[in-house]
Amino acid sequence: MTEQLLTAITSISPLDGRYAQKCRSLAEICSEYGLMRYRVEVEVKWLQALASHPAVAELKPLSDTQIARLEGLFLDFSLEDALEVKEIESKTNHDVKAIEYFIKQKLEILGGFDEYLEFVHFACTSEDINNLAYGLMLAQARETVLIPQMRGTVDSLKALASAFASQPILSRTHGQPATPSTVGKEFANVAFRLQRQLDNFSTINILGKINGAVGNYNAHIVAYPEIDWPSVAEEFIVDLGLNWNPYTTQIEPHDYVAEIFNCLSRYNTVLIDFSRDIWGYISLNYFRQKTVAGEVGSSTMPHKVNPIDFENAEGNLGLANSLLDHMSAKLPVSRWQRDLSDSTVMRNLGTGLGYSLVAYQSLARGIAKLELNTSAIDADIDACWAILAEPIQTVMRRYRIEQPYEKLKALTRGKAIDEATLKDFIQSLDIPQSDKEALIALRPRTYLGNAAAQASEI
C-alpha cells in the first residue's frame, strides 16, 4: 500500500496521481500494459489466421487445446508478463520485436508449437501490429468507458430539461436581460448539442491494416503468391471488430483517429460552454448547491460553497481538448511512407481521453448538487417588464403602425419600466381591442413561446 501510494503521489501526471482513481477504468485499456496486451492479441490471432488458411501448407490446423493455450497469452496477460516484455525490450530496444520474442518464449514453454514459431509476426511490419492494437484500445475505451459516461451526462441534462421545462428564466444576450425562456429549455439546448456529437462519436469507423512494410503485401506475395492477401487482411481485421483500410503506406494514416478526437473535442467544447453558463447561473443565485458534510468552500470564508465541480470540469476539458486537437492535427501527417513522429503521440492517446473522463465525472457531481432557487429566478424575471417591448412592437408591425421598434426603443431603452407604463402605452395604440387585452394580460413570466414544449420533448 505504501509503495502504491508513493507511486501515485510522485507521479508527474495528475491522471496517474491525483486523478488515478477516476481514471482507473481507462488504466488497463490505455496504459503501456494495455498496449502490450492488445499487441499480443493481434500477434496471436494473426498466427491463428495463418494456421487456418489452407494455402499455408507448412502449418497444421490448430487443435482446440492449442487455440485455448494461444488465446491464454492475451486473455491471461499479467503485470508479470508485461514486466517480462519490458525486460526483453531492454535488450532489443524495440517494443514490438519484444512482443514477438515474448510470444515465442511462451510457446516454447507451452510445448507443441515448434512448427509455428517462425510464423509469429509473419510478413508483418511493426505498424501492422501497432495500428490494430491501438484500434482495439480505442474501440474498448470508447465503448466501455467513454460512451457510457457521455451518455450519462446527456441523460442527466435531459432529465433536468424535463423537470424544469416550465420554470421561466430571464434570458441574457450580451449579458443583458432579454426575451425569456425556461430553465428546462436551457438544459435541452445543451442536451441536443451533446447528443449530436455523441451520435457521431459512436459511429465513426475504426480502421486497420495488415499489409506489410509499405502497404502492398510485398513479402506476403513473394512467400505465397497464390493467396488473395487483401481478402485475408480484410477478413482478419473485420474479425477483430475493426474496419479494413485497403489503401495505406507503412502506417494506417490515422485519419479516423483525428475524426474521433475532433468529435470528442466538439463534445467537450459544448461542455465547456455549459460549465461556464452554470457557473454564471450559480453566481446569480439561480442555482444553489447542496452542501456536503465536511467539505470546505474557502480556507478563510466559511460561508462559501464554490462551484468547484464546474470549474474543475472546465479546466480538465480544456486540457483534454489541447491534447486531442494536437493529436488530430499531427497524426494524419507523416513524411513519405512513414516517420516515427506519430509513435510518441499515439502513446498519449489515453491522456486526452483521461482528462475528458475526469471532467465528465466532475460534471456529474456538480449536476447532482444543483438545486433550483425559484425565488431568485422569479424575482429577476418579474421585475423586468422591459422585455415585453419585443412582443408589443411585433404586434404593432402586424397592424402597420409606423416605426414600432423606434417607439418602443424610446419608451424602454435605458429606463426603468413597470407594468403601468406598458399598459398606458398599449392603450394608446391603434390596434384591435382584443390584441390590446392580450398584450396587457402578458407577463414577463408568461412570454415564453414554446420553450416548455421544446424542453419536454427533448
Protein backbone atom coordinates (compact mmCIF):
# COMPACT_ATOMS: atom_id res chain seq x y z
CA MET A 1 0.00 0.00 0.00
CA THR A 2 2.81 2.40 0.90
CA GLU A 3 4.57 1.70 -2.38
CA GLN A 4 1.34 2.22 -4.34
CA LEU A 5 0.66 5.48 -2.52
CA LEU A 6 4.19 6.71 -3.14
CA THR A 7 3.80 5.94 -6.84
CA ALA A 8 0.61 8.00 -7.01
CA ILE A 9 2.00 10.90 -5.04
CA THR A 10 5.21 11.08 -7.06
CA SER A 11 3.55 10.80 -10.49
CA ILE A 12 4.23 13.63 -12.90
CA SER A 13 0.79 13.40 -14.50
CA PRO A 14 -2.27 14.03 -12.31
CA LEU A 15 -4.00 11.28 -14.29
CA ASP A 16 -1.70 8.75 -12.60
CA GLY A 17 -1.63 10.61 -9.31
CA ARG A 18 -4.41 12.84 -8.01
CA TYR A 19 -6.97 11.52 -10.50
CA ALA A 20 -5.80 7.90 -10.61
CA GLN A 21 -9.00 6.59 -9.03
CA LYS A 22 -11.13 8.49 -11.52
CA CYS A 23 -9.13 7.08 -14.44
CA ARG A 24 -8.95 3.51 -13.22
CA SER A 25 -11.39 2.27 -15.86
CA LEU A 26 -9.02 3.55 -18.58
CA ALA A 27 -5.80 2.37 -16.94
CA GLU A 28 -5.90 -1.26 -18.08
CA ILE A 29 -7.02 -0.20 -21.56
CA CYS A 30 -4.80 2.76 -22.46
CA SER A 31 -1.67 2.07 -20.41
CA GLU A 32 1.59 0.55 -21.62
CA TYR A 33 0.33 -2.69 -20.11
CA GLY A 34 -2.87 -2.41 -22.13
CA LEU A 35 -0.97 -1.72 -25.35
CA MET A 36 1.19 -4.80 -24.77
CA ARG A 37 -1.86 -6.97 -24.19
CA TYR A 38 -3.51 -5.78 -27.40
CA ARG A 39 -0.29 -6.37 -29.32
CA VAL A 40 -0.15 -9.94 -28.04
CA GLU A 41 -3.79 -10.41 -29.05
CA VAL A 42 -3.13 -9.20 -32.61
CA GLU A 43 0.01 -11.36 -32.99
CA VAL A 44 -1.76 -14.46 -31.65
CA LYS A 45 -4.85 -14.00 -33.81
CA TRP A 46 -2.72 -13.39 -36.91
CA LEU A 47 -0.92 -16.69 -36.21
CA GLN A 48 -4.29 -18.39 -35.86
CA ALA A 49 -5.48 -16.89 -39.15
CA LEU A 50 -2.38 -18.17 -40.96
CA ALA A 51 -2.72 -21.64 -39.45
CA SER A 52 -6.34 -21.85 -40.57
CA HIS A 53 -5.60 -20.89 -44.19
CA PRO A 54 -5.44 -23.97 -46.45
CA ALA A 55 -2.75 -22.46 -48.68
CA VAL A 56 -0.30 -22.15 -45.77
CA ALA A 57 0.62 -25.81 -46.08
CA GLU A 58 3.55 -25.53 -43.67
CA LEU A 59 1.17 -25.12 -40.74
CA LYS A 60 -1.24 -27.73 -39.45
CA PRO A 61 -4.65 -26.51 -38.27
CA LEU A 62 -4.52 -25.69 -34.59
CA SER A 63 -6.29 -28.01 -32.18
CA ASP A 64 -8.83 -26.68 -29.69
CA THR A 65 -6.24 -27.14 -26.95
CA GLN A 66 -3.63 -25.20 -28.88
CA ILE A 67 -6.11 -22.40 -29.62
CA ALA A 68 -7.02 -22.14 -25.93
CA ARG A 69 -3.36 -22.01 -24.92
CA LEU A 70 -2.61 -19.37 -27.54
CA GLU A 71 -5.54 -17.20 -26.52
CA GLY A 72 -4.50 -17.54 -22.90
CA LEU A 73 -1.43 -15.48 -23.78
CA PHE A 74 -3.57 -12.35 -24.11
CA LEU A 75 -6.63 -13.30 -22.07
CA ASP A 76 -4.43 -14.04 -19.04
CA PHE A 77 -1.77 -11.43 -19.80
CA SER A 78 -0.50 -10.28 -16.41
CA LEU A 79 1.59 -7.47 -14.98
CA GLU A 80 4.37 -10.01 -14.59
CA ASP A 81 4.10 -10.78 -18.31
CA ALA A 82 4.32 -7.05 -19.06
CA LEU A 83 7.47 -6.74 -16.97
CA GLU A 84 8.90 -9.72 -18.82
CA VAL A 85 8.25 -7.94 -22.12
CA LYS A 86 9.98 -4.81 -20.78
CA GLU A 87 12.98 -6.92 -19.82
CA ILE A 88 13.19 -8.27 -23.37
CA GLU A 89 12.76 -4.75 -24.75
CA SER A 90 15.71 -3.55 -22.66
CA LYS A 91 17.86 -5.80 -24.87
CA THR A 92 16.08 -5.40 -28.24
CA ASN A 93 15.41 -1.66 -27.86
CA HIS A 94 12.31 -2.39 -29.95
CA ASP A 95 8.90 -2.72 -28.33
CA VAL A 96 7.10 -4.77 -30.98
CA LYS A 97 10.04 -7.12 -31.50
CA ALA A 98 9.99 -7.70 -27.75
CA ILE A 99 6.37 -8.84 -28.07
CA GLU A 100 7.35 -11.30 -30.81
CA TYR A 101 10.16 -12.76 -28.70
CA PHE A 102 7.90 -12.92 -25.65
CA ILE A 103 5.30 -14.95 -27.56
CA LYS A 104 7.92 -17.31 -28.96
CA GLN A 105 9.36 -17.88 -25.50
CA LYS A 106 5.91 -18.62 -24.10
CA LEU A 107 5.16 -21.05 -26.95
CA GLU A 108 8.44 -22.88 -26.32
CA ILE A 109 7.50 -23.25 -22.66
CA LEU A 110 3.98 -24.45 -23.52
CA GLY A 111 5.40 -27.00 -25.98
CA GLY A 112 3.91 -28.38 -29.17
CA PHE A 113 4.34 -25.15 -31.15
CA ASP A 114 7.78 -25.65 -32.71
CA GLU A 115 6.48 -25.56 -36.30
CA TYR A 116 4.57 -22.31 -35.60
CA LEU A 117 7.37 -20.24 -34.05
CA GLU A 118 8.63 -18.54 -37.21
CA PHE A 119 5.08 -17.69 -38.26
CA VAL A 120 4.76 -15.38 -35.27
CA HIS A 121 4.87 -11.86 -36.79
CA PHE A 122 4.86 -13.38 -40.27
CA ALA A 123 5.22 -10.77 -43.07
CA CYS A 124 4.41 -8.02 -40.56
CA THR A 125 5.93 -4.64 -40.05
CA SER A 126 5.64 -3.21 -36.55
CA GLU A 127 2.86 -0.88 -37.65
CA ASP A 128 0.74 -3.85 -38.73
CA ILE A 129 0.61 -4.86 -35.09
CA ASN A 130 0.57 -1.38 -33.58
CA ASN A 131 -2.25 0.11 -35.64
CA LEU A 132 -4.53 -2.82 -34.84
CA ALA A 133 -3.55 -2.79 -31.16
CA TYR A 134 -4.33 0.92 -30.91
CA GLY A 135 -7.57 0.33 -32.81
CA LEU A 136 -8.65 -2.30 -30.29
CA MET A 137 -7.59 0.01 -27.46
CA LEU A 138 -9.61 2.93 -28.78
CA ALA A 139 -12.62 0.75 -29.54
CA GLN A 140 -12.76 -0.64 -26.00
CA ALA A 141 -12.15 2.74 -24.37
CA ARG A 142 -14.92 4.26 -26.48
CA GLU A 143 -17.49 1.51 -25.92
CA THR A 144 -16.91 0.56 -22.29
CA VAL A 145 -15.76 3.82 -20.69
CA LEU A 146 -16.40 6.98 -22.67
CA ILE A 147 -19.79 6.39 -24.30
CA PRO A 148 -21.49 5.29 -21.04
CA GLN A 149 -20.14 8.36 -19.24
CA MET A 150 -21.02 10.71 -22.10
CA ARG A 151 -24.49 9.21 -22.42
CA GLY A 152 -24.96 9.63 -18.66
CA THR A 153 -24.23 13.35 -18.98
CA VAL A 154 -26.76 13.73 -21.80
CA ASP A 155 -29.38 11.77 -19.87
CA SER A 156 -28.86 13.92 -16.77
CA LEU A 157 -29.40 17.09 -18.79
CA LYS A 158 -32.49 15.66 -20.47
CA ALA A 159 -33.91 14.81 -17.06
CA LEU A 160 -33.31 18.39 -15.86
CA ALA A 161 -34.85 19.72 -19.08
CA SER A 162 -37.99 17.76 -18.30
CA ALA A 163 -38.05 18.62 -14.59
CA PHE A 164 -37.66 22.38 -15.19
CA ALA A 165 -39.48 22.56 -18.52
CA SER A 166 -41.97 25.20 -17.34
CA GLN A 167 -39.81 27.24 -14.96
CA PRO A 168 -39.41 30.72 -16.51
CA ILE A 169 -35.94 32.26 -16.62
CA LEU A 170 -34.78 35.67 -17.73
CA SER A 171 -32.54 35.10 -20.72
CA ARG A 172 -29.39 37.13 -21.22
CA THR A 173 -27.95 38.07 -24.56
CA HIS A 174 -24.69 40.03 -24.45
CA GLY A 175 -25.08 39.68 -20.69
CA GLN A 176 -28.19 41.88 -20.72
CA PRO A 177 -31.81 40.93 -19.90
CA ALA A 178 -33.52 39.51 -22.97
CA THR A 179 -36.57 37.57 -24.15
CA PRO A 180 -37.26 34.91 -21.50
CA SER A 181 -37.03 31.17 -21.82
CA THR A 182 -37.35 28.32 -19.35
CA VAL A 183 -34.71 26.63 -17.27
CA GLY A 184 -35.63 23.33 -18.90
CA LYS A 185 -35.14 24.74 -22.39
CA GLU A 186 -31.63 25.86 -21.41
CA PHE A 187 -30.76 22.29 -20.46
CA ALA A 188 -32.49 20.94 -23.58
CA ASN A 189 -30.31 23.14 -25.81
CA VAL A 190 -27.16 21.61 -24.36
CA ALA A 191 -28.53 18.07 -24.36
CA PHE A 192 -29.36 18.29 -28.06
CA ARG A 193 -25.91 19.60 -28.95
CA LEU A 194 -24.22 16.87 -26.95
CA GLN A 195 -26.44 14.15 -28.40
CA ARG A 196 -25.43 15.09 -31.95
CA GLN A 197 -21.75 14.82 -31.12
CA LEU A 198 -22.27 11.60 -29.15
CA ASP A 199 -24.10 10.03 -32.09
CA ASN A 200 -21.23 10.95 -34.41
CA PHE A 201 -18.60 9.83 -31.91
CA SER A 202 -20.28 6.45 -31.52
CA THR A 203 -20.43 5.63 -35.22
CA ILE A 204 -17.02 6.65 -36.59
CA ASN A 205 -15.37 3.56 -38.05
CA ILE A 206 -12.10 2.42 -36.50
CA LEU A 207 -9.80 1.33 -39.34
CA GLY A 208 -6.94 -1.13 -39.53
CA LYS A 209 -4.38 -2.53 -41.93
CA ILE A 210 -2.06 -5.56 -42.05
CA ASN A 211 -0.44 -5.19 -45.46
CA GLY A 212 3.28 -5.08 -44.75
CA ALA A 213 6.12 -2.63 -44.97
CA VAL A 214 4.60 -0.09 -47.38
CA GLY A 215 1.03 -1.33 -47.80
CA ASN A 216 1.45 -3.54 -50.89
CA TYR A 217 1.73 -7.07 -49.39
CA ASN A 218 5.20 -7.27 -50.97
CA ALA A 219 6.61 -10.01 -48.71
CA HIS A 220 3.28 -11.80 -48.45
CA ILE A 221 3.02 -12.23 -52.22
CA VAL A 222 6.60 -13.44 -52.61
CA ALA A 223 6.09 -16.09 -49.93
CA TYR A 224 2.59 -17.19 -51.02
CA PRO A 225 1.71 -15.73 -54.44
CA GLU A 226 -1.40 -17.87 -54.74
CA ILE A 227 -3.12 -16.33 -51.69
CA ASP A 228 -5.53 -13.41 -52.07
CA TRP A 229 -3.86 -11.38 -49.34
CA PRO A 230 -6.20 -8.34 -49.41
CA SER A 231 -9.14 -10.68 -48.75
CA VAL A 232 -7.24 -12.36 -45.94
CA ALA A 233 -6.40 -8.97 -44.42
CA GLU A 234 -9.96 -7.72 -44.67
CA GLU A 235 -11.42 -10.85 -43.08
CA PHE A 236 -8.84 -10.79 -40.31
CA ILE A 237 -9.42 -7.12 -39.45
CA VAL A 238 -13.21 -7.43 -39.55
CA ASP A 239 -12.98 -10.48 -37.27
CA LEU A 240 -11.09 -8.27 -34.80
CA GLY A 241 -14.13 -5.97 -34.76
CA LEU A 242 -12.46 -3.21 -36.78
CA ASN A 243 -12.87 -1.89 -40.33
CA TRP A 244 -10.38 -2.64 -43.09
CA ASN A 245 -8.46 0.19 -44.71
CA PRO A 246 -7.37 -1.07 -48.18
CA TYR A 247 -5.08 1.87 -49.04
CA THR A 248 -2.17 2.71 -46.75
CA THR A 249 1.55 3.36 -46.70
CA GLN A 250 3.55 1.66 -43.97
CA ILE A 251 1.13 3.18 -41.49
CA GLU A 252 -2.61 3.27 -41.24
CA PRO A 253 -2.86 7.04 -41.76
CA HIS A 254 -4.78 7.77 -38.53
CA ASP A 255 -7.46 9.82 -40.25
CA TYR A 256 -10.14 8.02 -38.26
CA VAL A 257 -8.29 8.83 -35.01
CA ALA A 258 -8.42 12.50 -35.97
CA GLU A 259 -12.14 12.17 -36.73
CA ILE A 260 -12.84 10.56 -33.36
CA PHE A 261 -10.74 13.08 -31.45
CA ASN A 262 -12.23 16.03 -33.31
CA CYS A 263 -15.70 14.79 -32.46
CA LEU A 264 -14.78 14.23 -28.82
CA SER A 265 -13.25 17.70 -28.73
CA ARG A 266 -16.51 19.22 -30.03
CA TYR A 267 -18.47 17.33 -27.36
CA ASN A 268 -16.05 18.70 -24.76
CA THR A 269 -16.38 22.23 -26.13
CA VAL A 270 -20.15 22.10 -25.64
CA LEU A 271 -19.50 21.08 -22.04
CA ILE A 272 -17.07 23.97 -21.54
CA ASP A 273 -19.84 26.28 -22.71
CA PHE A 274 -22.29 24.57 -20.37
CA SER A 275 -19.90 24.70 -17.39
CA ARG A 276 -19.43 28.43 -17.79
CA ASP A 277 -23.17 29.05 -18.10
CA ILE A 278 -23.97 27.05 -14.97
CA TRP A 279 -21.15 28.82 -13.15
CA GLY A 280 -22.83 32.10 -14.11
CA TYR A 281 -26.27 30.93 -13.01
CA ILE A 282 -24.82 29.85 -9.66
CA SER A 283 -23.25 33.30 -9.25
CA LEU A 284 -26.68 34.84 -9.96
CA ASN A 285 -28.10 32.59 -7.24
CA TYR A 286 -30.41 30.89 -9.77
CA PHE A 287 -28.99 27.61 -8.52
CA ARG A 288 -27.91 26.65 -5.04
CA GLN A 289 -25.50 23.79 -4.46
CA LYS A 290 -26.25 21.03 -1.99
CA THR A 291 -23.70 21.11 0.78
CA VAL A 292 -21.56 18.10 1.59
CA ALA A 293 -20.69 17.43 5.22
CA GLY A 294 -17.03 18.13 5.91
CA GLU A 295 -16.44 19.86 2.58
CA VAL A 296 -14.73 23.28 2.70
CA GLY A 297 -15.56 26.00 0.20
CA SER A 298 -12.88 28.50 1.18
CA SER A 299 -9.90 28.32 3.52
CA THR A 300 -10.87 31.67 5.05
CA MET A 301 -14.55 32.39 4.22
CA PRO A 302 -16.72 29.77 5.95
CA HIS A 303 -19.94 30.73 4.15
CA LYS A 304 -18.76 29.87 0.65
CA VAL A 305 -19.97 26.94 -1.46
CA ASN A 306 -17.84 27.28 -4.56
CA PRO A 307 -18.86 25.84 -7.95
CA ILE A 308 -15.63 23.82 -7.99
CA ASP A 309 -17.05 20.86 -9.92
CA PHE A 310 -17.88 23.06 -12.91
CA GLU A 311 -14.56 24.89 -12.62
CA ASN A 312 -12.62 21.62 -12.46
CA ALA A 313 -14.60 20.30 -15.40
CA GLU A 314 -13.82 23.40 -17.46
CA GLY A 315 -10.10 23.15 -16.71
CA ASN A 316 -9.83 19.45 -17.47
CA LEU A 317 -11.92 19.77 -20.63
CA GLY A 318 -9.51 22.45 -21.81
CA LEU A 319 -6.54 20.18 -21.11
CA ALA A 320 -8.25 17.31 -22.90
CA ASN A 321 -9.00 19.41 -25.95
CA SER A 322 -5.47 20.78 -26.19
CA LEU A 323 -4.21 17.20 -26.41
CA LEU A 324 -7.00 15.93 -28.64
CA ASP A 325 -6.65 18.88 -31.02
CA HIS A 326 -2.89 18.42 -31.30
CA MET A 327 -3.24 14.70 -31.97
CA SER A 328 -5.96 15.37 -34.55
CA ALA A 329 -3.68 17.75 -36.40
CA LYS A 330 -0.49 15.72 -36.03
CA LEU A 331 -1.44 12.08 -36.52
CA PRO A 332 -2.63 12.23 -40.16
CA VAL A 333 0.69 13.81 -41.21
CA SER A 334 3.68 11.55 -41.94
CA ARG A 335 6.71 12.00 -44.18
CA TRP A 336 6.62 9.77 -47.25
CA GLN A 337 5.93 6.14 -46.37
CA ARG A 338 6.28 6.91 -42.67
CA ASP A 339 8.22 8.62 -39.94
CA LEU A 340 8.13 7.90 -36.23
CA SER A 341 6.77 11.24 -35.05
CA ASP A 342 3.33 9.63 -34.76
CA SER A 343 4.59 6.91 -32.44
CA THR A 344 5.23 9.05 -29.38
CA VAL A 345 1.99 10.94 -30.00
CA MET A 346 -0.09 7.75 -30.18
CA ARG A 347 1.31 6.71 -26.81
CA ASN A 348 -0.57 9.69 -25.37
CA LEU A 349 -3.90 8.51 -26.75
CA GLY A 350 -5.13 7.79 -23.22
CA THR A 351 -4.27 11.22 -21.82
CA GLY A 352 -6.82 13.15 -23.88
CA LEU A 353 -9.41 10.53 -23.01
CA GLY A 354 -8.33 10.57 -19.35
CA TYR A 355 -8.74 14.32 -18.88
CA SER A 356 -12.12 14.08 -20.62
CA LEU A 357 -13.19 11.32 -18.24
CA VAL A 358 -12.11 13.29 -15.17
CA ALA A 359 -14.14 16.26 -16.43
CA TYR A 360 -17.26 14.16 -17.07
CA GLN A 361 -17.12 12.86 -13.51
CA SER A 362 -16.71 16.37 -12.13
CA LEU A 363 -19.75 17.49 -14.10
CA ALA A 364 -21.78 14.55 -12.85
CA ARG A 365 -21.01 15.57 -9.27
CA GLY A 366 -21.79 19.21 -9.97
CA ILE A 367 -25.08 18.47 -11.72
CA ALA A 368 -26.15 16.22 -8.85
CA LYS A 369 -25.61 19.11 -6.38
CA LEU A 370 -27.75 21.65 -8.25
CA GLU A 371 -30.89 22.92 -6.54
CA LEU A 372 -33.12 25.39 -8.37
CA ASN A 373 -33.63 28.67 -6.50
CA THR A 374 -37.03 29.63 -7.91
CA SER A 375 -37.41 32.68 -5.71
CA ALA A 376 -34.28 34.34 -7.17
CA ILE A 377 -35.20 33.39 -10.73
CA ASP A 378 -38.78 34.57 -10.36
CA ALA A 379 -37.75 37.84 -8.73
CA ASP A 380 -35.48 38.72 -11.65
CA ILE A 381 -37.96 37.96 -14.40
CA ASP A 382 -40.92 39.52 -12.61
CA ALA A 383 -39.03 42.79 -12.27
CA CYS A 384 -38.08 43.03 -15.95
CA TRP A 385 -41.10 44.43 -17.75
CA ALA A 386 -38.95 45.96 -20.49
CA ILE A 387 -38.58 42.56 -22.19
CA LEU A 388 -42.22 42.83 -23.28
CA ALA A 389 -41.23 45.61 -25.68
CA GLU A 390 -40.46 42.88 -28.22
CA PRO A 391 -43.96 41.33 -28.46
CA ILE A 392 -45.63 44.75 -28.32
CA GLN A 393 -43.63 46.13 -31.26
CA THR A 394 -44.16 42.88 -33.17
CA VAL A 395 -47.94 43.22 -32.87
CA MET A 396 -47.60 46.86 -33.92
CA ARG A 397 -45.81 45.71 -37.05
CA ARG A 398 -48.71 43.39 -37.82
CA TYR A 399 -51.04 46.37 -37.95
CA ARG A 400 -48.56 48.52 -39.89
CA ILE A 401 -48.10 51.10 -37.16
CA GLU A 402 -45.19 53.26 -38.23
CA GLN A 403 -41.82 52.95 -36.51
CA PRO A 404 -42.86 50.41 -33.86
CA TYR A 405 -39.30 49.47 -32.98
CA GLU A 406 -38.25 53.09 -32.65
CA LYS A 407 -41.23 53.97 -30.46
CA LEU A 408 -40.56 51.07 -28.06
CA LYS A 409 -36.88 51.92 -28.06
CA ALA A 410 -37.68 55.49 -26.98
CA LEU A 411 -40.01 54.15 -24.30
CA THR A 412 -37.80 51.46 -22.78
CA ARG A 413 -34.10 51.72 -23.61
CA GLY A 414 -32.05 52.51 -20.52
CA LYS A 415 -35.17 53.22 -18.48
CA ALA A 416 -36.94 51.55 -15.58
CA ILE A 417 -40.20 50.23 -17.00
CA ASP A 418 -43.09 48.91 -14.95
CA GLU A 419 -46.44 47.32 -15.72
CA ALA A 420 -48.33 50.62 -15.60
CA THR A 421 -46.03 52.30 -18.15
CA LEU A 422 -46.51 49.48 -20.63
CA LYS A 423 -50.25 49.37 -20.04
CA ASP A 424 -50.62 53.07 -20.82
CA PHE A 425 -48.54 52.66 -23.97
CA ILE A 426 -50.62 49.68 -25.15
CA GLN A 427 -53.89 51.53 -24.50
CA SER A 428 -52.68 54.33 -26.76
CA LEU A 429 -52.14 52.04 -29.74
CA ASP A 430 -54.46 51.95 -32.73
CA ILE A 431 -54.91 48.17 -32.73
CA PRO A 432 -57.93 45.90 -32.13
CA GLN A 433 -59.18 45.80 -28.54
CA SER A 434 -58.65 42.04 -28.35
CA ASP A 435 -54.96 42.48 -29.13
CA LYS A 436 -54.70 45.24 -26.54
CA GLU A 437 -56.21 42.97 -23.91
CA ALA A 438 -53.89 40.12 -24.87
CA LEU A 439 -50.83 42.36 -24.60
CA ILE A 440 -51.99 43.86 -21.30
CA ALA A 441 -52.52 40.35 -19.91
CA LEU A 442 -48.99 39.33 -20.91
CA ARG A 443 -46.45 39.00 -18.11
CA PRO A 444 -42.67 38.55 -18.34
CA ARG A 445 -43.03 35.04 -16.92
CA THR A 446 -45.72 34.07 -19.45
CA TYR A 447 -43.89 35.38 -22.52
CA LEU A 448 -42.19 32.02 -23.15
CA GLY A 449 -43.10 30.99 -26.68
CA ASN A 450 -42.95 27.18 -26.91
CA ALA A 451 -39.92 26.83 -24.63
CA ALA A 452 -41.73 24.48 -22.23
CA ALA A 453 -42.85 22.21 -25.06
CA GLN A 454 -39.35 22.07 -26.54
CA ALA A 455 -37.87 21.22 -23.14
CA SER A 456 -40.42 18.48 -22.56
CA GLU A 457 -39.86 16.93 -25.97
CA ILE A 458 -36.08 16.57 -25.67
